[in-house]
């Protein structure tokens, strides 16, 4: 039990960064073009980057589960999507985060 709590505590800085990204960036979106730029460019790139950094330092896969949990409410609140659309983006970001974490873990094992 203590190890799971320790793993969850290690995720907090990454969750805070991703949460700020998902919940504050809609203030910068003014039209459809900027929304697509964030949804298809910025969010996936930052999800991948955070996942690689997390994978370099940690091997817990709690991070993967946290990405859709953070994104789905923001999609429902700010973008007013139907739930199905939010799931589509959340699954895409989760897949990107999984790939990023695997890359980070492979690089960390390679450097040891």
PDB file of N, CA and C in Angstrom:
ATOM      1  N   UNK A   1       0.822  -1.196   0.000  1.00  0.00           N
ATOM      2  CA  UNK A   1       0.000   0.000   0.000  1.00  0.00           C
ATOM      3  C   UNK A   1       0.868   1.263   0.000  1.00  0.00           C
ATOM      4  N   UNK A   2       1.929   1.250   0.766  1.00  0.00           N
ATOM      5  CA  UNK A   2       2.802   2.422   0.840  1.00  0.00           C
ATOM      6  C   UNK A   2       3.482   2.682  -0.505  1.00  0.00           C
ATOM      7  N   UNK A   3       3.805   1.623  -1.214  1.00  0.00           N
ATOM      8  CA  UNK A   3       4.458   1.794  -2.511  1.00  0.00           C
ATOM      9  C   UNK A   3       3.505   2.453  -3.511  1.00  0.00           C
ATOM     10  N   UNK A   4       2.224   2.087  -3.477  1.00  0.00           N
ATOM     11  CA  UNK A   4       1.258   2.703  -4.385  1.00  0.00           C
ATOM     12  C   UNK A   4       1.075   4.179  -4.060  1.00  0.00           C
ATOM     13  N   UNK A   5       1.068   4.510  -2.781  1.00  0.00           N
ATOM     14  CA  UNK A   5       0.961   5.915  -2.384  1.00  0.00           C
ATOM     15  C   UNK A   5       2.198   6.678  -2.835  1.00  0.00           C
ATOM     16  N   UNK A   6       3.362   6.055  -2.708  1.00  0.00           N
ATOM     17  CA  UNK A   6       4.603   6.689  -3.162  1.00  0.00           C
ATOM     18  C   UNK A   6       4.555   6.926  -4.670  1.00  0.00           C
ATOM     19  N   UNK A   7       4.050   5.944  -5.426  1.00  0.00           N
ATOM     20  CA  UNK A   7       3.937   6.095  -6.878  1.00  0.00           C
ATOM     21  C   UNK A   7       2.983   7.225  -7.238  1.00  0.00           C
ATOM     22  N   UNK A   8       1.876   7.317  -6.509  1.00  0.00           N
ATOM     23  CA  UNK A   8       0.917   8.381  -6.786  1.00  0.00           C
ATOM     24  C   UNK A   8       1.493   9.750  -6.449  1.00  0.00           C
ATOM     25  N   UNK A   9       2.299   9.831  -5.407  1.00  0.00           N
ATOM     26  CA  UNK A   9       2.938  11.106  -5.050  1.00  0.00           C
ATOM     27  C   UNK A   9       3.949  11.532  -6.111  1.00  0.00           C
ATOM     28  N   UNK A  10       4.578  10.578  -6.765  1.00  0.00           N
ATOM     29  CA  UNK A  10       5.546  10.903  -7.814  1.00  0.00           C
ATOM     30  C   UNK A  10       4.867  11.496  -9.045  1.00  0.00           C
ATOM     31  N   UNK A  11       3.603  11.197  -9.241  1.00  0.00           N
ATOM     32  CA  UNK A  11       2.869  11.651 -10.416  1.00  0.00           C
ATOM     33  C   UNK A  11       2.372  13.091 -10.259  1.00  0.00           C
ATOM     34  N   UNK A  12       2.223  13.555  -9.032  1.00  0.00           N
ATOM     35  CA  UNK A  12       1.562  14.838  -8.770  1.00  0.00           C
ATOM     36  C   UNK A  12       2.126  16.003  -9.585  1.00  0.00           C
ATOM     37  N   UNK A  13       3.448  16.222  -9.666  1.00  0.00           N
ATOM     38  CA  UNK A  13       3.919  17.360 -10.478  1.00  0.00           C
ATOM     39  C   UNK A  13       3.534  17.255 -11.953  1.00  0.00           C
ATOM     40  N   UNK A  14       3.559  16.060 -12.489  1.00  0.00           N
ATOM     41  CA  UNK A  14       3.190  15.849 -13.888  1.00  0.00           C
ATOM     42  C   UNK A  14       1.692  16.085 -14.096  1.00  0.00           C
ATOM     43  N   UNK A  15       0.896  15.623 -13.127  1.00  0.00           N
ATOM     44  CA  UNK A  15      -0.545  15.840 -13.206  1.00  0.00           C
ATOM     45  C   UNK A  15      -0.884  17.319 -13.120  1.00  0.00           C
ATOM     46  N   UNK A  16      -0.179  18.033 -12.262  1.00  0.00           N
ATOM     47  CA  UNK A  16      -0.435  19.465 -12.130  1.00  0.00           C
ATOM     48  C   UNK A  16      -0.120  20.189 -13.439  1.00  0.00           C
ATOM     49  N   UNK A  17       0.989  19.842 -14.061  1.00  0.00           N
ATOM     50  CA  UNK A  17       1.361  20.486 -15.316  1.00  0.00           C
ATOM     51  C   UNK A  17       0.337  20.182 -16.407  1.00  0.00           C
ATOM     52  N   UNK A  18      -0.030  18.913 -16.540  1.00  0.00           N
ATOM     53  CA  UNK A  18      -0.991  18.536 -17.568  1.00  0.00           C
ATOM     54  C   UNK A  18      -2.374  19.118 -17.265  1.00  0.00           C
ATOM     55  N   UNK A  19      -2.745  19.145 -15.994  1.00  0.00           N
ATOM     56  CA  UNK A  19      -4.020  19.750 -15.612  1.00  0.00           C
ATOM     57  C   UNK A  19      -4.070  21.227 -15.950  1.00  0.00           C
ATOM     58  N   UNK A  20      -2.973  21.944 -15.680  1.00  0.00           N
ATOM     59  CA  UNK A  20      -2.917  23.360 -16.057  1.00  0.00           C
ATOM     60  C   UNK A  20      -3.022  23.522 -17.568  1.00  0.00           C
ATOM     61  N   UNK A  21      -2.367  22.653 -18.300  1.00  0.00           N
ATOM     62  CA  UNK A  21      -2.443  22.714 -19.765  1.00  0.00           C
ATOM     63  C   UNK A  21      -3.878  22.513 -20.241  1.00  0.00           C
ATOM     64  N   UNK A  22      -4.530  21.469 -19.753  1.00  0.00           N
ATOM     65  CA  UNK A  22      -5.879  21.147 -20.219  1.00  0.00           C
ATOM     66  C   UNK A  22      -6.917  22.165 -19.773  1.00  0.00           C
ATOM     67  N   UNK A  23      -6.724  22.774 -18.598  1.00  0.00           N
ATOM     68  CA  UNK A  23      -7.763  23.635 -18.052  1.00  0.00           C
ATOM     69  C   UNK A  23      -7.507  25.127 -18.241  1.00  0.00           C
ATOM     70  N   UNK A  24      -6.269  25.539 -18.503  1.00  0.00           N
ATOM     71  CA  UNK A  24      -6.001  26.962 -18.717  1.00  0.00           C
ATOM     72  C   UNK A  24      -5.841  27.330 -20.191  1.00  0.00           C
ATOM     73  N   UNK A  25      -5.413  26.395 -21.009  1.00  0.00           N
ATOM     74  CA  UNK A  25      -5.209  26.716 -22.422  1.00  0.00           C
ATOM     75  C   UNK A  25      -6.502  27.050 -23.175  1.00  0.00           C
ATOM     76  N   UNK A  26      -7.683  26.563 -22.769  1.00  0.00           N
ATOM     77  CA  UNK A  26      -8.887  27.007 -23.500  1.00  0.00           C
ATOM     78  C   UNK A  26      -9.096  28.515 -23.471  1.00  0.00           C
ATOM     79  N   UNK A  27      -8.462  29.205 -22.526  1.00  0.00           N
ATOM     80  CA  UNK A  27      -8.565  30.662 -22.505  1.00  0.00           C
ATOM     81  C   UNK A  27      -7.835  31.295 -23.689  1.00  0.00           C
ATOM     82  N   UNK A  28      -6.883  30.558 -24.264  1.00  0.00           N
ATOM     83  CA  UNK A  28      -6.123  31.070 -25.412  1.00  0.00           C
ATOM     84  C   UNK A  28      -6.778  30.745 -26.746  1.00  0.00           C
ATOM     85  N   UNK A  29      -7.787  29.905 -26.720  1.00  0.00           N
ATOM     86  CA  UNK A  29      -8.453  29.480 -27.948  1.00  0.00           C
ATOM     87  C   UNK A  29      -9.526  30.495 -28.304  1.00  0.00           C
ATOM     88  N   UNK A  30      -9.408  31.053 -29.514  1.00  0.00           N
ATOM     89  CA  UNK A  30     -10.360  32.082 -29.918  1.00  0.00           C
ATOM     90  C   UNK A  30     -11.233  31.675 -31.108  1.00  0.00           C
ATOM     91  N   UNK A  31     -10.751  30.725 -31.903  1.00  0.00           N
ATOM     92  CA  UNK A  31     -11.511  30.295 -33.068  1.00  0.00           C
ATOM     93  C   UNK A  31     -11.228  28.825 -33.354  1.00  0.00           C
ATOM     94  N   UNK A  32     -11.808  28.315 -34.408  1.00  0.00           N
ATOM     95  CA  UNK A  32     -11.649  26.906 -34.744  1.00  0.00           C
ATOM     96  C   UNK A  32     -10.206  26.558 -35.079  1.00  0.00           C
ATOM     97  N   UNK A  33      -9.513  27.449 -35.762  1.00  0.00           N
ATOM     98  CA  UNK A  33      -8.118  27.182 -36.137  1.00  0.00           C
ATOM     99  C   UNK A  33      -7.221  27.042 -34.924  1.00  0.00           C
ATOM    100  N   UNK A  34      -7.371  27.934 -33.963  1.00  0.00           N
ATOM    101  CA  UNK A  34      -6.544  27.830 -32.758  1.00  0.00           C
ATOM    102  C   UNK A  34      -6.936  26.618 -31.921  1.00  0.00           C
ATOM    103  N   UNK A  35      -8.215  26.259 -31.930  1.00  0.00           N
ATOM    104  CA  UNK A  35      -8.649  25.061 -31.208  1.00  0.00           C
ATOM    105  C   UNK A  35      -8.010  23.809 -31.811  1.00  0.00           C
ATOM    106  N   UNK A  36      -7.995  23.731 -33.125  1.00  0.00           N
ATOM    107  CA  UNK A  36      -7.374  22.582 -33.786  1.00  0.00           C
ATOM    108  C   UNK A  36      -5.871  22.559 -33.547  1.00  0.00           C
ATOM    109  N   UNK A  37      -5.250  23.734 -33.513  1.00  0.00           N
ATOM    110  CA  UNK A  37      -3.822  23.805 -33.224  1.00  0.00           C
ATOM    111  C   UNK A  37      -3.522  23.215 -31.849  1.00  0.00           C
ATOM    112  N   UNK A  38      -4.320  23.560 -30.861  1.00  0.00           N
ATOM    113  CA  UNK A  38      -4.104  23.031 -29.514  1.00  0.00           C
ATOM    114  C   UNK A  38      -4.449  21.545 -29.439  1.00  0.00           C
ATOM    115  N   UNK A  39      -5.604  21.174 -29.986  1.00  0.00           N
ATOM    116  CA  UNK A  39      -6.075  19.789 -29.850  1.00  0.00           C
ATOM    117  C   UNK A  39      -5.239  18.792 -30.647  1.00  0.00           C
ATOM    118  N   UNK A  40      -4.730  19.208 -31.788  1.00  0.00           N
ATOM    119  CA  UNK A  40      -3.986  18.279 -32.635  1.00  0.00           C
ATOM    120  C   UNK A  40      -2.480  18.500 -32.622  1.00  0.00           C
ATOM    121  N   UNK A  41      -2.021  19.593 -32.040  1.00  0.00           N
ATOM    122  CA  UNK A  41      -0.594  19.884 -32.020  1.00  0.00           C
ATOM    123  C   UNK A  41      -0.014  20.026 -30.628  1.00  0.00           C
ATOM    124  N   UNK A  42      -0.517  20.994 -29.890  1.00  0.00           N
ATOM    125  CA  UNK A  42       0.066  21.317 -28.579  1.00  0.00           C
ATOM    126  C   UNK A  42      -0.200  20.209 -27.561  1.00  0.00           C
ATOM    127  N   UNK A  43      -1.452  19.804 -27.399  1.00  0.00           N
ATOM    128  CA  UNK A  43      -1.769  18.791 -26.399  1.00  0.00           C
ATOM    129  C   UNK A  43      -1.033  17.466 -26.633  1.00  0.00           C
ATOM    130  N   UNK A  44      -1.038  16.923 -27.860  1.00  0.00           N
ATOM    131  CA  UNK A  44      -0.300  15.674 -28.069  1.00  0.00           C
ATOM    132  C   UNK A  44       1.202  15.823 -27.845  1.00  0.00           C
ATOM    133  N   UNK A  45       1.776  16.941 -28.285  1.00  0.00           N
ATOM    134  CA  UNK A  45       3.222  17.131 -28.115  1.00  0.00           C
ATOM    135  C   UNK A  45       3.596  17.217 -26.638  1.00  0.00           C
ATOM    136  N   UNK A  46       2.813  17.944 -25.867  1.00  0.00           N
ATOM    137  CA  UNK A  46       3.126  18.073 -24.445  1.00  0.00           C
ATOM    138  C   UNK A  46       2.830  16.768 -23.705  1.00  0.00           C
ATOM    139  N   UNK A  47       1.772  16.061 -24.088  1.00  0.00           N
ATOM    140  CA  UNK A  47       1.511  14.735 -23.492  1.00  0.00           C
ATOM    141  C   UNK A  47       2.686  13.801 -23.746  1.00  0.00           C
ATOM    142  N   UNK A  48       3.188  13.809 -24.970  1.00  0.00           N
ATOM    143  CA  UNK A  48       4.324  12.957 -25.309  1.00  0.00           C
ATOM    144  C   UNK A  48       5.557  13.364 -24.516  1.00  0.00           C
ATOM    145  N   UNK A  49       5.858  14.659 -24.472  1.00  0.00           N
ATOM    146  CA  UNK A  49       7.032  15.133 -23.743  1.00  0.00           C
ATOM    147  C   UNK A  49       6.968  14.819 -22.259  1.00  0.00           C
ATOM    148  N   UNK A  50       5.829  15.076 -21.636  1.00  0.00           N
ATOM    149  CA  UNK A  50       5.673  14.749 -20.210  1.00  0.00           C
ATOM    150  C   UNK A  50       5.822  13.251 -19.978  1.00  0.00           C
ATOM    151  N   UNK A  51       5.287  12.464 -20.881  1.00  0.00           N
ATOM    152  CA  UNK A  51       5.350  11.008 -20.726  1.00  0.00           C
ATOM    153  C   UNK A  51       6.771  10.487 -20.868  1.00  0.00           C
ATOM    154  N   UNK A  52       7.530  11.060 -21.796  1.00  0.00           N
ATOM    155  CA  UNK A  52       8.930  10.647 -21.943  1.00  0.00           C
ATOM    156  C   UNK A  52       9.702  10.989 -20.673  1.00  0.00           C
ATOM    157  N   UNK A  53       9.518  12.195 -20.171  1.00  0.00           N
ATOM    158  CA  UNK A  53      10.217  12.601 -18.944  1.00  0.00           C
ATOM    159  C   UNK A  53       9.790  11.730 -17.771  1.00  0.00           C
ATOM    160  N   UNK A  54       8.491  11.460 -17.662  1.00  0.00           N
ATOM    161  CA  UNK A  54       8.012  10.589 -16.595  1.00  0.00           C
ATOM    162  C   UNK A  54       8.589   9.185 -16.748  1.00  0.00           C
ATOM    163  N   UNK A  55       8.633   8.675 -17.964  1.00  0.00           N
ATOM    164  CA  UNK A  55       9.173   7.341 -18.217  1.00  0.00           C
ATOM    165  C   UNK A  55      10.658   7.240 -17.924  1.00  0.00           C
ATOM    166  N   UNK A  56      11.397   8.340 -18.111  1.00  0.00           N
ATOM    167  CA  UNK A  56      12.826   8.329 -17.782  1.00  0.00           C
ATOM    168  C   UNK A  56      13.060   8.167 -16.290  1.00  0.00           C
ATOM    169  N   UNK A  57      12.147   8.686 -15.486  1.00  0.00           N
ATOM    170  CA  UNK A  57      12.335   8.692 -14.037  1.00  0.00           C
ATOM    171  C   UNK A  57      11.560   7.599 -13.310  1.00  0.00           C
ATOM    172  N   UNK A  58      10.419   7.201 -13.862  1.00  0.00           N
ATOM    173  CA  UNK A  58       9.533   6.258 -13.173  1.00  0.00           C
ATOM    174  C   UNK A  58       9.026   5.213 -14.153  1.00  0.00           C
ATOM    175  N   UNK A  59       8.674   4.049 -13.628  1.00  0.00           N
ATOM    176  CA  UNK A  59       8.142   2.992 -14.487  1.00  0.00           C
ATOM    177  C   UNK A  59       6.681   2.664 -14.192  1.00  0.00           C
ATOM    178  N   UNK A  60       6.068   3.372 -13.294  1.00  0.00           N
ATOM    179  CA  UNK A  60       4.670   3.125 -12.951  1.00  0.00           C
ATOM    180  C   UNK A  60       3.756   3.563 -14.094  1.00  0.00           C
ATOM    181  N   UNK A  61       2.737   2.778 -14.356  1.00  0.00           N
ATOM    182  CA  UNK A  61       1.821   3.110 -15.432  1.00  0.00           C
ATOM    183  C   UNK A  61       0.563   3.822 -14.941  1.00  0.00           C
ATOM    184  N   UNK A  62       0.573   4.340 -13.715  1.00  0.00           N
ATOM    185  CA  UNK A  62      -0.539   5.158 -13.227  1.00  0.00           C
ATOM    186  C   UNK A  62      -0.696   6.403 -14.087  1.00  0.00           C
ATOM    187  N   UNK A  63       0.412   6.871 -14.624  1.00  0.00           N
ATOM    188  CA  UNK A  63       0.402   8.075 -15.450  1.00  0.00           C
ATOM    189  C   UNK A  63      -0.537   7.910 -16.634  1.00  0.00           C
ATOM    190  N   UNK A  64      -0.514   6.744 -17.246  1.00  0.00           N
ATOM    191  CA  UNK A  64      -1.329   6.498 -18.437  1.00  0.00           C
ATOM    192  C   UNK A  64      -2.810   6.642 -18.110  1.00  0.00           C
ATOM    193  N   UNK A  65      -3.218   6.161 -16.948  1.00  0.00           N
ATOM    194  CA  UNK A  65      -4.623   6.245 -16.559  1.00  0.00           C
ATOM    195  C   UNK A  65      -5.050   7.666 -16.216  1.00  0.00           C
ATOM    196  N   UNK A  66      -4.094   8.484 -15.821  1.00  0.00           N
ATOM    197  CA  UNK A  66      -4.443   9.837 -15.390  1.00  0.00           C
ATOM    198  C   UNK A  66      -4.704  10.786 -16.559  1.00  0.00           C
ATOM    199  N   UNK A  67      -4.147  10.517 -17.725  1.00  0.00           N
ATOM    200  CA  UNK A  67      -4.320  11.417 -18.876  1.00  0.00           C
ATOM    201  C   UNK A  67      -5.792  11.525 -19.287  1.00  0.00           C
ATOM    202  N   UNK A  68      -6.507  10.420 -19.514  1.00  0.00           N
ATOM    203  CA  UNK A  68      -7.920  10.588 -19.888  1.00  0.00           C
ATOM    204  C   UNK A  68      -8.770  11.117 -18.741  1.00  0.00           C
ATOM    205  N   UNK A  69      -8.408  10.779 -17.511  1.00  0.00           N
ATOM    206  CA  UNK A  69      -9.171  11.266 -16.358  1.00  0.00           C
ATOM    207  C   UNK A  69      -9.074  12.790 -16.263  1.00  0.00           C
ATOM    208  N   UNK A  70      -7.937  13.348 -16.621  1.00  0.00           N
ATOM    209  CA  UNK A  70      -7.782  14.805 -16.629  1.00  0.00           C
ATOM    210  C   UNK A  70      -8.437  15.456 -17.839  1.00  0.00           C
ATOM    211  N   UNK A  71      -8.334  14.809 -19.000  1.00  0.00           N
ATOM    212  CA  UNK A  71      -8.787  15.466 -20.221  1.00  0.00           C
ATOM    213  C   UNK A  71     -10.294  15.427 -20.419  1.00  0.00           C
ATOM    214  N   UNK A  72     -10.946  14.329 -20.128  1.00  0.00           N
ATOM    215  CA  UNK A  72     -12.374  14.188 -20.433  1.00  0.00           C
ATOM    216  C   UNK A  72     -13.211  15.294 -19.787  1.00  0.00           C
ATOM    217  N   UNK A  73     -13.031  15.604 -18.496  1.00  0.00           N
ATOM    218  CA  UNK A  73     -13.831  16.709 -17.935  1.00  0.00           C
ATOM    219  C   UNK A  73     -13.560  18.055 -18.609  1.00  0.00           C
ATOM    220  N   UNK A  74     -12.308  18.315 -18.979  1.00  0.00           N
ATOM    221  CA  UNK A  74     -12.022  19.595 -19.640  1.00  0.00           C
ATOM    222  C   UNK A  74     -12.700  19.660 -21.007  1.00  0.00           C
ATOM    223  N   UNK A  75     -12.742  18.545 -21.715  1.00  0.00           N
ATOM    224  CA  UNK A  75     -13.430  18.518 -23.003  1.00  0.00           C
ATOM    225  C   UNK A  75     -14.921  18.759 -22.858  1.00  0.00           C
ATOM    226  N   UNK A  76     -15.500  18.195 -21.822  1.00  0.00           N
ATOM    227  CA  UNK A  76     -16.934  18.382 -21.596  1.00  0.00           C
ATOM    228  C   UNK A  76     -17.249  19.798 -21.134  1.00  0.00           C
ATOM    229  N   UNK A  77     -16.360  20.381 -20.329  1.00  0.00           N
ATOM    230  CA  UNK A  77     -16.610  21.713 -19.772  1.00  0.00           C
ATOM    231  C   UNK A  77     -16.338  22.809 -20.800  1.00  0.00           C
ATOM    232  N   UNK A  78     -15.149  22.803 -21.387  1.00  0.00           N
ATOM    233  CA  UNK A  78     -14.731  23.929 -22.212  1.00  0.00           C
ATOM    234  C   UNK A  78     -15.142  23.811 -23.677  1.00  0.00           C
ATOM    235  N   UNK A  79     -15.142  22.614 -24.199  1.00  0.00           N
ATOM    236  CA  UNK A  79     -15.419  22.452 -25.624  1.00  0.00           C
ATOM    237  C   UNK A  79     -16.864  22.041 -25.887  1.00  0.00           C
ATOM    238  N   UNK A  80     -17.592  21.696 -24.842  1.00  0.00           N
ATOM    239  CA  UNK A  80     -19.002  21.313 -24.906  1.00  0.00           C
ATOM    240  C   UNK A  80     -19.254  20.215 -25.932  1.00  0.00           C
ATOM    241  N   UNK A  81     -18.366  19.232 -25.910  1.00  0.00           N
ATOM    242  CA  UNK A  81     -18.497  18.098 -26.806  1.00  0.00           C
ATOM    243  C   UNK A  81     -19.459  17.081 -26.239  1.00  0.00           C
ATOM    244  N   UNK A  82     -20.030  16.255 -27.112  1.00  0.00           N
ATOM    245  CA  UNK A  82     -20.681  15.051 -26.598  1.00  0.00           C
ATOM    246  C   UNK A  82     -19.605  14.126 -26.009  1.00  0.00           C
ATOM    247  N   UNK A  83     -19.994  13.271 -25.122  1.00  0.00           N
ATOM    248  CA  UNK A  83     -19.043  12.396 -24.427  1.00  0.00           C
ATOM    249  C   UNK A  83     -18.226  11.566 -25.410  1.00  0.00           C
ATOM    250  N   UNK A  84     -18.830  11.126 -26.514  1.00  0.00           N
ATOM    251  CA  UNK A  84     -18.137  10.278 -27.485  1.00  0.00           C
ATOM    252  C   UNK A  84     -16.943  10.988 -28.112  1.00  0.00           C
ATOM    253  N   UNK A  85     -17.060  12.268 -28.365  1.00  0.00           N
ATOM    254  CA  UNK A  85     -15.959  13.022 -28.960  1.00  0.00           C
ATOM    255  C   UNK A  85     -14.821  13.158 -27.950  1.00  0.00           C
ATOM    256  N   UNK A  86     -15.174  13.432 -26.688  1.00  0.00           N
ATOM    257  CA  UNK A  86     -14.159  13.531 -25.640  1.00  0.00           C
ATOM    258  C   UNK A  86     -13.402  12.228 -25.460  1.00  0.00           C
ATOM    259  N   UNK A  87     -14.103  11.104 -25.557  1.00  0.00           N
ATOM    260  CA  UNK A  87     -13.456   9.795 -25.446  1.00  0.00           C
ATOM    261  C   UNK A  87     -12.475   9.593 -26.602  1.00  0.00           C
ATOM    262  N   UNK A  88     -12.841  10.009 -27.796  1.00  0.00           N
ATOM    263  CA  UNK A  88     -11.972   9.867 -28.967  1.00  0.00           C
ATOM    264  C   UNK A  88     -10.639  10.593 -28.729  1.00  0.00           C
ATOM    265  N   UNK A  89     -10.705  11.851 -28.323  1.00  0.00           N
ATOM    266  CA  UNK A  89      -9.478  12.603 -28.060  1.00  0.00           C
ATOM    267  C   UNK A  89      -8.725  12.018 -26.868  1.00  0.00           C
ATOM    268  N   UNK A  90      -9.441  11.639 -25.821  1.00  0.00           N
ATOM    269  CA  UNK A  90      -8.796  11.085 -24.629  1.00  0.00           C
ATOM    270  C   UNK A  90      -8.046   9.794 -24.958  1.00  0.00           C
ATOM    271  N   UNK A  91      -8.626   8.945 -25.780  1.00  0.00           N
ATOM    272  CA  UNK A  91      -7.937   7.715 -26.179  1.00  0.00           C
ATOM    273  C   UNK A  91      -6.702   8.019 -27.007  1.00  0.00           C
ATOM    274  N   UNK A  92      -6.802   9.012 -27.875  1.00  0.00           N
ATOM    275  CA  UNK A  92      -5.633   9.406 -28.672  1.00  0.00           C
ATOM    276  C   UNK A  92      -4.510   9.926 -27.785  1.00  0.00           C
ATOM    277  N   UNK A  93      -4.835  10.795 -26.839  1.00  0.00           N
ATOM    278  CA  UNK A  93      -3.816  11.332 -25.938  1.00  0.00           C
ATOM    279  C   UNK A  93      -3.245  10.246 -25.033  1.00  0.00           C
ATOM    280  N   UNK A  94      -4.095   9.288 -24.650  1.00  0.00           N
ATOM    281  CA  UNK A  94      -3.623   8.178 -23.820  1.00  0.00           C
ATOM    282  C   UNK A  94      -2.640   7.317 -24.605  1.00  0.00           C
ATOM    283  N   UNK A  95      -2.938   7.047 -25.863  1.00  0.00           N
ATOM    284  CA  UNK A  95      -2.026   6.274 -26.709  1.00  0.00           C
ATOM    285  C   UNK A  95      -0.699   7.007 -26.885  1.00  0.00           C
ATOM    286  N   UNK A  96      -0.767   8.318 -27.104  1.00  0.00           N
ATOM    287  CA  UNK A  96       0.455   9.118 -27.234  1.00  0.00           C
ATOM    288  C   UNK A  96       1.253   9.092 -25.932  1.00  0.00           C
ATOM    289  N   UNK A  97       0.561   9.189 -24.797  1.00  0.00           N
ATOM    290  CA  UNK A  97       1.236   9.144 -23.500  1.00  0.00           C
ATOM    291  C   UNK A  97       1.872   7.771 -23.264  1.00  0.00           C
ATOM    292  N   UNK A  98       1.190   6.715 -23.675  1.00  0.00           N
ATOM    293  CA  UNK A  98       1.742   5.367 -23.528  1.00  0.00           C
ATOM    294  C   UNK A  98       3.010   5.215 -24.357  1.00  0.00           C
ATOM    295  N   UNK A  99       2.975   5.672 -25.585  1.00  0.00           N
ATOM    296  CA  UNK A  99       4.162   5.592 -26.442  1.00  0.00           C
ATOM    297  C   UNK A  99       5.299   6.415 -25.845  1.00  0.00           C
ATOM    298  N   UNK A 100       4.986   7.607 -25.360  1.00  0.00           N
ATOM    299  CA  UNK A 100       6.007   8.446 -24.743  1.00  0.00           C
ATOM    300  C   UNK A 100       6.622   7.810 -23.513  1.00  0.00           C
ATOM    301  N   UNK A 101       5.788   7.195 -22.694  1.00  0.00           N
ATOM    302  CA  UNK A 101       6.326   6.556 -21.495  1.00  0.00           C
ATOM    303  C   UNK A 101       7.193   5.353 -21.854  1.00  0.00           C
ATOM    304  N   UNK A 102       6.786   4.583 -22.830  1.00  0.00           N
ATOM    305  CA  UNK A 102       7.602   3.444 -23.267  1.00  0.00           C
ATOM    306  C   UNK A 102       8.944   3.929 -23.804  1.00  0.00           C
ATOM    307  N   UNK A 103       8.934   4.999 -24.580  1.00  0.00           N
ATOM    308  CA  UNK A 103      10.190   5.576 -25.083  1.00  0.00           C
ATOM    309  C   UNK A 103      11.070   6.007 -23.911  1.00  0.00           C
ATOM    310  N   UNK A 104      10.485   6.684 -22.924  1.00  0.00           N
ATOM    311  CA  UNK A 104      11.254   7.118 -21.759  1.00  0.00           C
ATOM    312  C   UNK A 104      11.822   5.956 -20.972  1.00  0.00           C
ATOM    313  N   UNK A 105      11.035   4.908 -20.792  1.00  0.00           N
ATOM    314  CA  UNK A 105      11.534   3.734 -20.064  1.00  0.00           C
ATOM    315  C   UNK A 105      12.654   3.063 -20.841  1.00  0.00           C
ATOM    316  N   UNK A 106      12.512   2.945 -22.154  1.00  0.00           N
ATOM    317  CA  UNK A 106      13.571   2.322 -22.963  1.00  0.00           C
ATOM    318  C   UNK A 106      14.855   3.150 -22.901  1.00  0.00           C
ATOM    319  N   UNK A 107      14.762   4.468 -22.965  1.00  0.00           N
ATOM    320  CA  UNK A 107      15.955   5.299 -22.868  1.00  0.00           C
ATOM    321  C   UNK A 107      16.590   5.203 -21.479  1.00  0.00           C
ATOM    322  N   UNK A 108      15.767   5.123 -20.432  1.00  0.00           N
ATOM    323  CA  UNK A 108      16.332   5.038 -19.081  1.00  0.00           C
ATOM    324  C   UNK A 108      17.035   3.707 -18.867  1.00  0.00           C
ATOM    325  N   UNK A 109      16.496   2.622 -19.419  1.00  0.00           N
ATOM    326  CA  UNK A 109      17.150   1.317 -19.285  1.00  0.00           C
ATOM    327  C   UNK A 109      18.404   1.246 -20.143  1.00  0.00           C
ATOM    328  N   UNK A 110      18.390   1.944 -21.256  1.00  0.00           N
ATOM    329  CA  UNK A 110      19.546   1.948 -22.142  1.00  0.00           C
ATOM    330  C   UNK A 110      20.710   2.678 -21.497  1.00  0.00           C
ATOM    331  N   UNK A 111      20.416   3.727 -20.731  1.00  0.00           N
ATOM    332  CA  UNK A 111      21.475   4.517 -20.109  1.00  0.00           C
ATOM    333  C   UNK A 111      22.008   3.895 -18.830  1.00  0.00           C
ATOM    334  N   UNK A 112      21.373   2.880 -18.309  1.00  0.00           N
ATOM    335  CA  UNK A 112      21.847   2.256 -17.059  1.00  0.00           C
ATOM    336  C   UNK A 112      22.915   1.248 -17.297  1.00  0.00           C
TER     337      UNK A 112
END
